[in-house]
Amino acid sequence: MKFFAIVPAAGLSRRMGQPKLVMPWKSNSIIQHTLAAWHESRVDRVIVVVRPDDTELQQHLDGSAVDLVVPSVEPPEMKDSVLLGIKYIQTHFGPGVNDAMLLAPADMPELNSVVIDKVIEAHDPQRAAIIAPIHLGKKGHPVLFPWPFTTGAYQLHENQGLNELWKIYHNRTIEVSDTGSFLDVDTPDDFCDKQ
């Protein structure tokens, strides 16, 4: 089995008021902390989708062990970034029915490789299901999609997000104690409060 992480990083950081992914977080930047969790996990490849005009982020990721996807046109929604990542994986790696895609936003600097691996360990192709960590009743990241389920993303209507797939396919949650999988940094208050 192979596991592919898609990291949508094409947002405009409107609520932060500045490009947030390159902002400092502890010893590095927000996105580099997010990527470190992926690299420390059992994931085989990390695919990062970046806006074509975001040269600052592209340069920031230069030399990182990621597959950088830079489309010719800015993805309007996160769903579009994920679809670009799915197409990239399909084209370059030809995933099979036992493989899976994992998804978490780029602005999760406290993402934990232990949680990522717990989600991966819960993947059973014979009992295919979308899998998400849960803590005190709240779903977090990463969310795992068995590769055959990714075709459902193409069937979603324009106004439907990827969370609709949770309702369509078999799904299950795994309880975790780590809360980093539930933290994203969207606003200046988030940045100040959670550092």
N, C-alpha and C. Protein backbone atom coordinates (compact mmCIF):
# COMPACT_ATOMS: atom_id res chain seq x y z
N MET A 1 0.84 -1.20 0.00
CA MET A 1 0.00 0.00 0.00
C MET A 1 0.88 1.25 0.00
N LYS A 2 0.43 2.25 -0.73
CA LYS A 2 1.11 3.53 -0.74
C LYS A 2 0.15 4.60 -0.25
N PHE A 3 0.74 5.60 0.39
CA PHE A 3 -0.05 6.68 0.99
C PHE A 3 0.48 8.01 0.48
N PHE A 4 -0.45 8.82 -0.02
CA PHE A 4 -0.10 10.12 -0.61
C PHE A 4 -0.79 11.22 0.19
N ALA A 5 -0.01 12.23 0.58
CA ALA A 5 -0.58 13.38 1.28
C ALA A 5 -0.78 14.52 0.30
N ILE A 6 -1.95 15.13 0.35
CA ILE A 6 -2.20 16.34 -0.42
C ILE A 6 -2.33 17.50 0.56
N VAL A 7 -1.52 18.54 0.31
CA VAL A 7 -1.50 19.72 1.17
C VAL A 7 -1.94 20.92 0.34
N PRO A 8 -3.21 21.33 0.44
CA PRO A 8 -3.66 22.52 -0.30
C PRO A 8 -3.04 23.78 0.31
N ALA A 9 -2.27 24.50 -0.50
CA ALA A 9 -1.58 25.70 0.00
C ALA A 9 -1.79 26.87 -0.96
N ALA A 10 -2.98 26.93 -1.55
CA ALA A 10 -3.27 27.94 -2.57
C ALA A 10 -4.24 29.00 -2.08
N GLY A 11 -4.47 29.06 -0.78
CA GLY A 11 -5.39 30.06 -0.24
C GLY A 11 -4.79 31.46 -0.25
N LEU A 12 -5.62 32.45 0.02
CA LEU A 12 -5.19 33.85 -0.02
C LEU A 12 -4.95 34.45 1.36
N SER A 13 -5.16 33.68 2.42
CA SER A 13 -4.92 34.14 3.80
C SER A 13 -5.67 35.44 4.10
N ARG A 14 -6.90 35.55 3.60
CA ARG A 14 -7.66 36.80 3.80
C ARG A 14 -7.86 37.13 5.27
N ARG A 15 -8.22 36.12 6.06
CA ARG A 15 -8.50 36.39 7.49
C ARG A 15 -7.24 36.75 8.26
N MET A 16 -6.08 36.27 7.80
CA MET A 16 -4.82 36.62 8.47
C MET A 16 -4.36 38.01 8.06
N GLY A 17 -4.69 38.42 6.84
CA GLY A 17 -4.28 39.74 6.37
C GLY A 17 -2.89 39.78 5.78
N GLN A 18 -2.22 38.66 5.71
CA GLN A 18 -0.89 38.55 5.11
C GLN A 18 -0.64 37.08 4.79
N PRO A 19 0.33 36.78 3.92
CA PRO A 19 0.61 35.37 3.61
C PRO A 19 1.03 34.62 4.87
N LYS A 20 0.19 33.71 5.32
CA LYS A 20 0.41 33.10 6.63
C LYS A 20 1.34 31.90 6.63
N LEU A 21 1.41 31.19 5.52
CA LEU A 21 2.14 29.91 5.55
C LEU A 21 3.64 30.09 5.76
N VAL A 22 4.18 31.27 5.40
CA VAL A 22 5.61 31.51 5.60
C VAL A 22 5.88 32.25 6.91
N MET A 23 4.82 32.54 7.68
CA MET A 23 5.00 33.21 8.96
C MET A 23 5.76 32.30 9.92
N PRO A 24 6.55 32.88 10.83
CA PRO A 24 7.34 32.05 11.75
C PRO A 24 6.46 31.30 12.74
N TRP A 25 6.85 30.07 13.00
CA TRP A 25 6.17 29.25 14.01
C TRP A 25 7.25 28.45 14.72
N LYS A 26 7.47 28.77 15.99
CA LYS A 26 8.54 28.12 16.75
C LYS A 26 9.85 28.22 15.99
N SER A 27 10.44 27.10 15.61
CA SER A 27 11.77 27.13 15.00
C SER A 27 11.76 27.27 13.48
N ASN A 28 10.57 27.35 12.87
CA ASN A 28 10.51 27.39 11.42
C ASN A 28 9.28 28.18 10.99
N SER A 29 8.72 27.87 9.83
CA SER A 29 7.50 28.52 9.37
C SER A 29 6.30 27.61 9.62
N ILE A 30 5.11 28.17 9.47
CA ILE A 30 3.89 27.39 9.67
C ILE A 30 3.87 26.18 8.75
N ILE A 31 4.12 26.40 7.45
CA ILE A 31 4.02 25.28 6.51
C ILE A 31 5.14 24.26 6.71
N GLN A 32 6.33 24.71 7.09
CA GLN A 32 7.42 23.75 7.28
C GLN A 32 7.15 22.85 8.49
N HIS A 33 6.48 23.37 9.51
CA HIS A 33 6.09 22.52 10.64
C HIS A 33 5.03 21.51 10.21
N THR A 34 4.10 21.98 9.37
CA THR A 34 3.08 21.06 8.85
C THR A 34 3.74 19.94 8.05
N LEU A 35 4.65 20.32 7.16
CA LEU A 35 5.32 19.33 6.31
C LEU A 35 6.18 18.38 7.12
N ALA A 36 6.78 18.86 8.19
CA ALA A 36 7.62 17.99 9.02
C ALA A 36 6.83 16.81 9.56
N ALA A 37 5.57 17.06 9.95
CA ALA A 37 4.74 15.95 10.45
C ALA A 37 4.51 14.91 9.36
N TRP A 38 4.25 15.38 8.15
CA TRP A 38 4.06 14.43 7.05
C TRP A 38 5.33 13.62 6.81
N HIS A 39 6.49 14.31 6.82
CA HIS A 39 7.75 13.62 6.53
C HIS A 39 8.13 12.62 7.61
N GLU A 40 7.69 12.86 8.83
CA GLU A 40 8.00 11.94 9.93
C GLU A 40 7.02 10.77 9.99
N SER A 41 6.01 10.80 9.15
CA SER A 41 4.98 9.76 9.15
C SER A 41 5.29 8.69 8.10
N ARG A 42 4.36 7.76 7.94
CA ARG A 42 4.50 6.67 6.97
C ARG A 42 4.07 7.07 5.55
N VAL A 43 3.71 8.31 5.35
CA VAL A 43 3.29 8.77 4.03
C VAL A 43 4.45 8.64 3.05
N ASP A 44 4.14 8.19 1.82
CA ASP A 44 5.18 7.97 0.81
C ASP A 44 5.53 9.23 0.03
N ARG A 45 4.53 10.04 -0.31
CA ARG A 45 4.77 11.26 -1.07
C ARG A 45 3.90 12.38 -0.51
N VAL A 46 4.45 13.59 -0.55
CA VAL A 46 3.72 14.78 -0.10
C VAL A 46 3.58 15.72 -1.29
N ILE A 47 2.34 16.02 -1.65
CA ILE A 47 2.03 16.87 -2.80
C ILE A 47 1.48 18.19 -2.28
N VAL A 48 2.13 19.28 -2.60
CA VAL A 48 1.71 20.61 -2.16
C VAL A 48 1.22 21.40 -3.38
N VAL A 49 0.01 21.94 -3.29
CA VAL A 49 -0.58 22.71 -4.39
C VAL A 49 -0.51 24.20 -4.03
N VAL A 50 0.16 24.97 -4.90
CA VAL A 50 0.44 26.39 -4.63
C VAL A 50 -0.10 27.24 -5.78
N ARG A 51 -0.56 28.45 -5.47
CA ARG A 51 -1.01 29.37 -6.51
C ARG A 51 0.14 29.74 -7.45
N PRO A 52 -0.15 29.95 -8.74
CA PRO A 52 0.92 30.30 -9.67
C PRO A 52 1.59 31.64 -9.37
N ASP A 53 0.84 32.58 -8.74
CA ASP A 53 1.42 33.89 -8.45
C ASP A 53 2.10 33.96 -7.08
N ASP A 54 2.07 32.88 -6.32
CA ASP A 54 2.66 32.88 -4.98
C ASP A 54 4.13 32.45 -5.05
N THR A 55 4.93 33.33 -5.64
CA THR A 55 6.35 33.00 -5.81
C THR A 55 7.08 32.94 -4.47
N GLU A 56 6.61 33.71 -3.49
CA GLU A 56 7.25 33.68 -2.17
C GLU A 56 7.16 32.28 -1.57
N LEU A 57 5.98 31.68 -1.61
CA LEU A 57 5.81 30.34 -1.06
C LEU A 57 6.56 29.31 -1.90
N GLN A 58 6.53 29.47 -3.21
CA GLN A 58 7.26 28.54 -4.07
C GLN A 58 8.75 28.56 -3.73
N GLN A 59 9.31 29.75 -3.54
CA GLN A 59 10.73 29.86 -3.19
C GLN A 59 10.99 29.31 -1.79
N HIS A 60 10.03 29.54 -0.88
CA HIS A 60 10.17 29.04 0.49
C HIS A 60 10.23 27.51 0.52
N LEU A 61 9.52 26.88 -0.42
CA LEU A 61 9.48 25.42 -0.46
C LEU A 61 10.58 24.82 -1.33
N ASP A 62 11.35 25.67 -1.98
CA ASP A 62 12.44 25.17 -2.83
C ASP A 62 13.41 24.34 -1.99
N GLY A 63 13.67 23.14 -2.43
CA GLY A 63 14.55 22.26 -1.68
C GLY A 63 13.84 21.37 -0.69
N SER A 64 12.54 21.62 -0.45
CA SER A 64 11.76 20.75 0.44
C SER A 64 11.46 19.43 -0.28
N ALA A 65 11.34 18.37 0.48
CA ALA A 65 11.08 17.05 -0.10
C ALA A 65 9.59 16.88 -0.38
N VAL A 66 9.09 17.70 -1.31
CA VAL A 66 7.68 17.64 -1.68
C VAL A 66 7.55 17.67 -3.19
N ASP A 67 6.41 17.20 -3.69
CA ASP A 67 6.06 17.38 -5.09
C ASP A 67 5.22 18.66 -5.16
N LEU A 68 5.77 19.67 -5.80
CA LEU A 68 5.10 20.97 -5.86
C LEU A 68 4.26 21.05 -7.13
N VAL A 69 2.96 21.29 -6.95
CA VAL A 69 2.04 21.44 -8.08
C VAL A 69 1.69 22.92 -8.20
N VAL A 70 2.07 23.52 -9.33
CA VAL A 70 1.78 24.93 -9.57
C VAL A 70 0.94 25.01 -10.85
N PRO A 71 -0.38 25.11 -10.71
CA PRO A 71 -1.24 25.15 -11.89
C PRO A 71 -1.10 26.47 -12.64
N SER A 72 -1.53 26.49 -13.88
CA SER A 72 -1.44 27.71 -14.68
C SER A 72 -2.49 28.74 -14.26
N VAL A 73 -3.58 28.25 -13.66
CA VAL A 73 -4.66 29.13 -13.20
C VAL A 73 -4.87 28.90 -11.71
N GLU A 74 -5.09 29.97 -10.97
CA GLU A 74 -5.30 29.87 -9.52
C GLU A 74 -6.52 29.02 -9.20
N PRO A 75 -6.38 28.01 -8.33
CA PRO A 75 -7.54 27.20 -7.93
C PRO A 75 -8.50 28.06 -7.10
N PRO A 76 -9.78 28.17 -7.51
CA PRO A 76 -10.70 29.06 -6.80
C PRO A 76 -11.05 28.58 -5.39
N GLU A 77 -11.13 27.28 -5.17
CA GLU A 77 -11.51 26.74 -3.87
C GLU A 77 -10.53 25.63 -3.46
N MET A 78 -10.56 25.27 -2.16
CA MET A 78 -9.69 24.20 -1.69
C MET A 78 -9.98 22.90 -2.43
N LYS A 79 -11.25 22.65 -2.73
CA LYS A 79 -11.62 21.44 -3.46
C LYS A 79 -10.88 21.36 -4.79
N ASP A 80 -10.72 22.50 -5.45
CA ASP A 80 -10.02 22.53 -6.73
C ASP A 80 -8.55 22.20 -6.56
N SER A 81 -7.95 22.67 -5.47
CA SER A 81 -6.56 22.32 -5.18
C SER A 81 -6.41 20.83 -4.95
N VAL A 82 -7.36 20.26 -4.22
CA VAL A 82 -7.31 18.81 -3.96
C VAL A 82 -7.45 18.02 -5.25
N LEU A 83 -8.34 18.45 -6.12
CA LEU A 83 -8.50 17.78 -7.41
C LEU A 83 -7.22 17.84 -8.24
N LEU A 84 -6.53 18.97 -8.19
CA LEU A 84 -5.25 19.07 -8.88
C LEU A 84 -4.24 18.08 -8.30
N GLY A 85 -4.25 17.94 -6.96
CA GLY A 85 -3.36 16.98 -6.33
C GLY A 85 -3.70 15.55 -6.71
N ILE A 86 -4.99 15.23 -6.76
CA ILE A 86 -5.43 13.89 -7.16
C ILE A 86 -4.97 13.58 -8.59
N LYS A 87 -5.15 14.54 -9.48
CA LYS A 87 -4.75 14.34 -10.88
C LYS A 87 -3.23 14.14 -10.98
N TYR A 88 -2.49 14.90 -10.19
CA TYR A 88 -1.03 14.77 -10.20
C TYR A 88 -0.61 13.37 -9.74
N ILE A 89 -1.21 12.90 -8.66
CA ILE A 89 -0.89 11.56 -8.16
C ILE A 89 -1.24 10.50 -9.20
N GLN A 90 -2.42 10.62 -9.79
CA GLN A 90 -2.85 9.65 -10.79
C GLN A 90 -1.88 9.60 -11.97
N THR A 91 -1.47 10.77 -12.42
CA THR A 91 -0.59 10.86 -13.59
C THR A 91 0.82 10.36 -13.31
N HIS A 92 1.36 10.71 -12.14
CA HIS A 92 2.77 10.44 -11.86
C HIS A 92 3.03 9.12 -11.13
N PHE A 93 2.04 8.61 -10.40
CA PHE A 93 2.31 7.45 -9.55
C PHE A 93 1.38 6.27 -9.78
N GLY A 94 0.31 6.45 -10.55
CA GLY A 94 -0.60 5.36 -10.87
C GLY A 94 -1.04 4.55 -9.67
N PRO A 95 -1.65 5.18 -8.68
CA PRO A 95 -2.03 4.46 -7.45
C PRO A 95 -3.03 3.35 -7.72
N GLY A 96 -2.99 2.32 -6.87
CA GLY A 96 -3.88 1.17 -7.01
C GLY A 96 -5.02 1.21 -6.02
N VAL A 97 -5.87 0.20 -6.07
CA VAL A 97 -7.08 0.18 -5.26
C VAL A 97 -6.80 0.06 -3.77
N ASN A 98 -5.62 -0.43 -3.40
CA ASN A 98 -5.30 -0.57 -1.98
C ASN A 98 -4.66 0.69 -1.39
N ASP A 99 -4.31 1.63 -2.24
CA ASP A 99 -3.62 2.84 -1.79
C ASP A 99 -4.62 3.85 -1.23
N ALA A 100 -4.08 4.93 -0.68
CA ALA A 100 -4.96 5.93 -0.07
C ALA A 100 -4.35 7.32 -0.17
N MET A 101 -5.22 8.31 -0.13
CA MET A 101 -4.83 9.71 -0.10
C MET A 101 -5.19 10.27 1.27
N LEU A 102 -4.30 11.08 1.83
CA LEU A 102 -4.58 11.77 3.08
C LEU A 102 -4.58 13.27 2.84
N LEU A 103 -5.41 13.96 3.58
CA LEU A 103 -5.60 15.39 3.34
C LEU A 103 -5.60 16.15 4.67
N ALA A 104 -4.83 17.25 4.68
CA ALA A 104 -4.89 18.20 5.80
C ALA A 104 -4.46 19.55 5.26
N PRO A 105 -5.06 20.64 5.76
CA PRO A 105 -4.66 21.97 5.30
C PRO A 105 -3.20 22.27 5.61
N ALA A 106 -2.65 23.25 4.90
CA ALA A 106 -1.23 23.61 5.08
C ALA A 106 -0.99 24.41 6.34
N ASP A 107 -2.06 24.94 6.94
CA ASP A 107 -1.89 25.83 8.09
C ASP A 107 -2.12 25.11 9.42
N MET A 108 -1.59 23.88 9.52
CA MET A 108 -1.74 23.08 10.74
C MET A 108 -0.37 22.74 11.31
N PRO A 109 0.32 23.74 11.90
CA PRO A 109 1.71 23.52 12.34
C PRO A 109 1.85 22.55 13.50
N GLU A 110 0.76 22.20 14.16
CA GLU A 110 0.84 21.24 15.26
C GLU A 110 0.37 19.85 14.83
N LEU A 111 0.20 19.64 13.53
CA LEU A 111 -0.13 18.31 13.02
C LEU A 111 0.90 17.31 13.53
N ASN A 112 0.43 16.12 13.89
CA ASN A 112 1.27 15.16 14.59
C ASN A 112 1.45 13.90 13.76
N SER A 113 2.70 13.49 13.56
CA SER A 113 2.97 12.30 12.76
C SER A 113 2.40 11.04 13.40
N VAL A 114 2.30 11.02 14.72
CA VAL A 114 1.72 9.85 15.40
C VAL A 114 0.25 9.70 15.02
N VAL A 115 -0.47 10.82 14.98
CA VAL A 115 -1.87 10.78 14.59
C VAL A 115 -1.99 10.38 13.12
N ILE A 116 -1.13 10.93 12.27
CA ILE A 116 -1.14 10.55 10.85
C ILE A 116 -1.00 9.03 10.73
N ASP A 117 -0.04 8.47 11.45
CA ASP A 117 0.21 7.03 11.36
C ASP A 117 -0.94 6.20 11.93
N LYS A 118 -1.61 6.72 12.96
CA LYS A 118 -2.78 6.01 13.48
C LYS A 118 -3.89 5.93 12.45
N VAL A 119 -4.07 7.02 11.72
CA VAL A 119 -5.09 7.04 10.66
C VAL A 119 -4.69 6.05 9.56
N ILE A 120 -3.41 6.04 9.20
CA ILE A 120 -2.93 5.11 8.18
C ILE A 120 -3.12 3.66 8.63
N GLU A 121 -2.80 3.38 9.89
CA GLU A 121 -2.94 2.01 10.41
C GLU A 121 -4.39 1.53 10.40
N ALA A 122 -5.32 2.46 10.46
CA ALA A 122 -6.74 2.10 10.47
C ALA A 122 -7.26 1.78 9.07
N HIS A 123 -6.46 2.06 8.05
CA HIS A 123 -6.89 1.82 6.66
C HIS A 123 -6.86 0.33 6.34
N ASP A 124 -7.99 -0.19 5.95
CA ASP A 124 -8.12 -1.59 5.56
C ASP A 124 -8.84 -1.64 4.22
N PRO A 125 -8.11 -1.92 3.12
CA PRO A 125 -8.74 -1.92 1.80
C PRO A 125 -9.92 -2.88 1.69
N GLN A 126 -9.93 -3.93 2.54
CA GLN A 126 -11.05 -4.87 2.50
C GLN A 126 -12.30 -4.29 3.15
N ARG A 127 -12.12 -3.28 3.98
CA ARG A 127 -13.24 -2.58 4.63
C ARG A 127 -13.08 -1.09 4.36
N ALA A 128 -13.03 -0.74 3.09
CA ALA A 128 -12.68 0.63 2.69
C ALA A 128 -13.62 1.66 3.33
N ALA A 129 -13.02 2.68 3.89
CA ALA A 129 -13.79 3.74 4.54
C ALA A 129 -12.95 5.01 4.60
N ILE A 130 -13.62 6.15 4.55
CA ILE A 130 -12.95 7.41 4.85
C ILE A 130 -12.71 7.43 6.36
N ILE A 131 -11.51 7.82 6.77
CA ILE A 131 -11.14 7.75 8.18
C ILE A 131 -10.67 9.13 8.65
N ALA A 132 -11.15 9.53 9.82
CA ALA A 132 -10.72 10.80 10.40
C ALA A 132 -10.46 10.62 11.89
N PRO A 133 -9.48 11.34 12.45
CA PRO A 133 -9.31 11.32 13.90
C PRO A 133 -10.41 12.12 14.56
N ILE A 134 -10.72 11.77 15.79
CA ILE A 134 -11.76 12.48 16.53
C ILE A 134 -11.29 12.67 17.97
N HIS A 135 -11.64 13.81 18.55
CA HIS A 135 -11.28 14.10 19.95
C HIS A 135 -12.43 14.87 20.57
N LEU A 136 -12.98 14.31 21.64
CA LEU A 136 -14.13 14.92 22.33
C LEU A 136 -15.26 15.24 21.35
N GLY A 137 -15.48 14.32 20.42
CA GLY A 137 -16.59 14.46 19.48
C GLY A 137 -16.33 15.34 18.28
N LYS A 138 -15.13 15.89 18.17
CA LYS A 138 -14.81 16.79 17.05
C LYS A 138 -13.85 16.10 16.08
N LYS A 139 -14.21 16.10 14.80
CA LYS A 139 -13.35 15.51 13.78
C LYS A 139 -12.18 16.44 13.48
N GLY A 140 -11.03 15.81 13.20
CA GLY A 140 -9.84 16.58 12.87
C GLY A 140 -9.17 16.09 11.61
N HIS A 141 -7.88 16.33 11.51
CA HIS A 141 -7.07 15.95 10.35
C HIS A 141 -5.87 15.12 10.80
N PRO A 142 -5.36 14.31 9.86
CA PRO A 142 -5.72 14.23 8.45
C PRO A 142 -6.94 13.33 8.24
N VAL A 143 -7.58 13.53 7.10
CA VAL A 143 -8.65 12.64 6.67
C VAL A 143 -8.09 11.73 5.59
N LEU A 144 -8.32 10.44 5.73
CA LEU A 144 -7.83 9.45 4.76
C LEU A 144 -8.96 9.04 3.83
N PHE A 145 -8.67 9.01 2.53
CA PHE A 145 -9.62 8.56 1.52
C PHE A 145 -9.01 7.36 0.79
N PRO A 146 -9.63 6.19 0.86
CA PRO A 146 -9.16 5.09 0.01
C PRO A 146 -9.13 5.58 -1.43
N TRP A 147 -8.09 5.19 -2.17
CA TRP A 147 -7.93 5.76 -3.50
C TRP A 147 -9.18 5.62 -4.38
N PRO A 148 -9.86 4.48 -4.39
CA PRO A 148 -11.06 4.41 -5.24
C PRO A 148 -12.12 5.46 -4.90
N PHE A 149 -12.13 5.95 -3.66
CA PHE A 149 -13.12 6.95 -3.26
C PHE A 149 -12.82 8.33 -3.85
N THR A 150 -11.57 8.55 -4.28
CA THR A 150 -11.22 9.89 -4.77
C THR A 150 -11.99 10.26 -6.03
N THR A 151 -12.49 9.26 -6.75
CA THR A 151 -13.28 9.57 -7.94
C THR A 151 -14.54 10.34 -7.58
N GLY A 152 -15.01 10.16 -6.35
CA GLY A 152 -16.20 10.89 -5.90
C GLY A 152 -16.01 12.39 -5.88
N ALA A 153 -14.77 12.84 -5.74
CA ALA A 153 -14.50 14.28 -5.71
C ALA A 153 -14.87 14.94 -7.03
N TYR A 154 -14.77 14.17 -8.11
CA TYR A 154 -15.11 14.72 -9.43
C TYR A 154 -16.62 14.82 -9.64
N GLN A 155 -17.38 14.12 -8.82
CA GLN A 155 -18.83 14.10 -8.98
C GLN A 155 -19.53 15.19 -8.16
N LEU A 156 -18.79 15.88 -7.31
CA LEU A 156 -19.40 16.89 -6.45
C LEU A 156 -19.87 18.09 -7.26
N HIS A 157 -20.98 18.66 -6.85
CA HIS A 157 -21.47 19.88 -7.48
C HIS A 157 -20.58 21.05 -7.10
N GLU A 158 -20.69 22.13 -7.85
CA GLU A 158 -19.83 23.29 -7.63
C GLU A 158 -19.91 23.82 -6.20
N ASN A 159 -21.10 23.77 -5.62
CA ASN A 159 -21.29 24.31 -4.27
C ASN A 159 -21.07 23.28 -3.16
N GLN A 160 -20.60 22.09 -3.50
CA GLN A 160 -20.35 21.05 -2.50
C GLN A 160 -18.87 20.95 -2.19
N GLY A 161 -18.56 20.86 -0.90
CA GLY A 161 -17.18 20.67 -0.49
C GLY A 161 -16.85 19.20 -0.34
N LEU A 162 -15.58 18.92 -0.07
CA LEU A 162 -15.14 17.53 0.07
C LEU A 162 -15.79 16.82 1.25
N ASN A 163 -16.29 17.61 2.22
CA ASN A 163 -16.95 16.98 3.37
C ASN A 163 -18.20 16.21 2.96
N GLU A 164 -18.72 16.49 1.77
CA GLU A 164 -19.87 15.73 1.27
C GLU A 164 -19.53 14.26 1.07
N LEU A 165 -18.26 13.98 0.78
CA LEU A 165 -17.86 12.58 0.56
C LEU A 165 -18.02 11.77 1.83
N TRP A 166 -17.89 12.41 2.98
CA TRP A 166 -18.08 11.74 4.27
C TRP A 166 -19.49 11.16 4.37
N LYS A 167 -20.46 11.87 3.78
CA LYS A 167 -21.85 11.43 3.82
C LYS A 167 -22.14 10.34 2.79
N ILE A 168 -21.36 10.34 1.69
CA ILE A 168 -21.64 9.43 0.59
C ILE A 168 -21.05 8.04 0.83
N TYR A 169 -19.82 8.00 1.34
CA TYR A 169 -19.09 6.74 1.47
C TYR A 169 -19.11 6.22 2.90
N HIS A 170 -18.72 4.95 3.06
CA HIS A 170 -18.51 4.41 4.40
C HIS A 170 -17.46 5.27 5.09
N ASN A 171 -17.63 5.47 6.37
CA ASN A 171 -16.66 6.28 7.11
C ASN A 171 -16.54 5.77 8.54
N ARG A 172 -15.44 6.11 9.16
CA ARG A 172 -15.27 5.81 10.57
C ARG A 172 -14.24 6.77 11.18
N THR A 173 -14.29 6.90 12.48
CA THR A 173 -13.36 7.77 13.19
C THR A 173 -12.52 6.95 14.16
N ILE A 174 -11.36 7.50 14.49
CA ILE A 174 -10.52 6.89 15.52
C ILE A 174 -10.24 7.95 16.58
N GLU A 175 -10.40 7.57 17.82
CA GLU A 175 -10.21 8.50 18.93
C GLU A 175 -8.72 8.77 19.14
N VAL A 176 -8.36 10.04 19.28
CA VAL A 176 -6.97 10.42 19.56
C VAL A 176 -6.96 11.41 20.72
N SER A 177 -5.83 11.48 21.39
CA SER A 177 -5.72 12.41 22.52
C SER A 177 -5.01 13.70 22.13
N ASP A 178 -4.21 13.66 21.07
CA ASP A 178 -3.46 14.83 20.63
C ASP A 178 -4.42 15.86 20.02
N THR A 179 -4.26 17.12 20.40
CA THR A 179 -5.17 18.16 19.90
C THR A 179 -4.58 18.96 18.75
N GLY A 180 -3.32 18.70 18.38
CA GLY A 180 -2.71 19.43 17.27
C GLY A 180 -3.39 19.19 15.94
N SER A 181 -4.06 18.05 15.83
CA SER A 181 -4.76 17.72 14.59
C SER A 181 -6.05 18.51 14.43
N PHE A 182 -6.34 19.37 15.38
CA PHE A 182 -7.58 20.15 15.37
C PHE A 182 -7.29 21.66 15.35
N LEU A 183 -6.00 22.00 15.23
CA LEU A 183 -5.58 23.40 15.29
C LEU A 183 -5.18 23.89 13.90
N ASP A 184 -5.88 24.90 13.40
CA ASP A 184 -5.39 25.59 12.21
C ASP A 184 -5.25 27.07 12.55
N VAL A 185 -4.39 27.74 11.82
CA VAL A 185 -4.05 29.13 12.11
C VAL A 185 -4.67 29.99 11.01
N ASP A 186 -5.78 30.65 11.32
CA ASP A 186 -6.52 31.41 10.32
C ASP A 186 -6.45 32.92 10.51
N THR A 187 -6.35 33.36 11.77
CA THR A 187 -6.44 34.79 12.07
C THR A 187 -5.24 35.24 12.91
N PRO A 188 -5.00 36.55 13.02
CA PRO A 188 -3.92 37.03 13.90
C PRO A 188 -4.10 36.55 15.34
N ASP A 189 -5.35 36.47 15.81
CA ASP A 189 -5.58 35.97 17.17
C ASP A 189 -5.16 34.51 17.30
N ASP A 190 -5.47 33.69 16.28
CA ASP A 190 -5.03 32.30 16.28
C ASP A 190 -3.51 32.23 16.41
N PHE A 191 -2.84 33.09 15.63
CA PHE A 191 -1.38 33.08 15.60
C PHE A 191 -0.80 33.46 16.96
N CYS A 192 -1.37 34.48 17.57
CA CYS A 192 -0.85 34.96 18.87
C CYS A 192 -1.21 34.01 20.00
N ASP A 193 -2.44 33.49 19.98
CA ASP A 193 -2.94 32.66 21.08
C ASP A 193 -2.31 31.28 21.11
N LYS A 194 -1.95 30.73 19.95
CA LYS A 194 -1.60 29.33 19.88
C LYS A 194 -0.11 29.08 19.70
N GLN A 195 0.69 30.13 19.59
CA GLN A 195 2.13 29.93 19.45
C GLN A 195 2.72 29.38 20.74
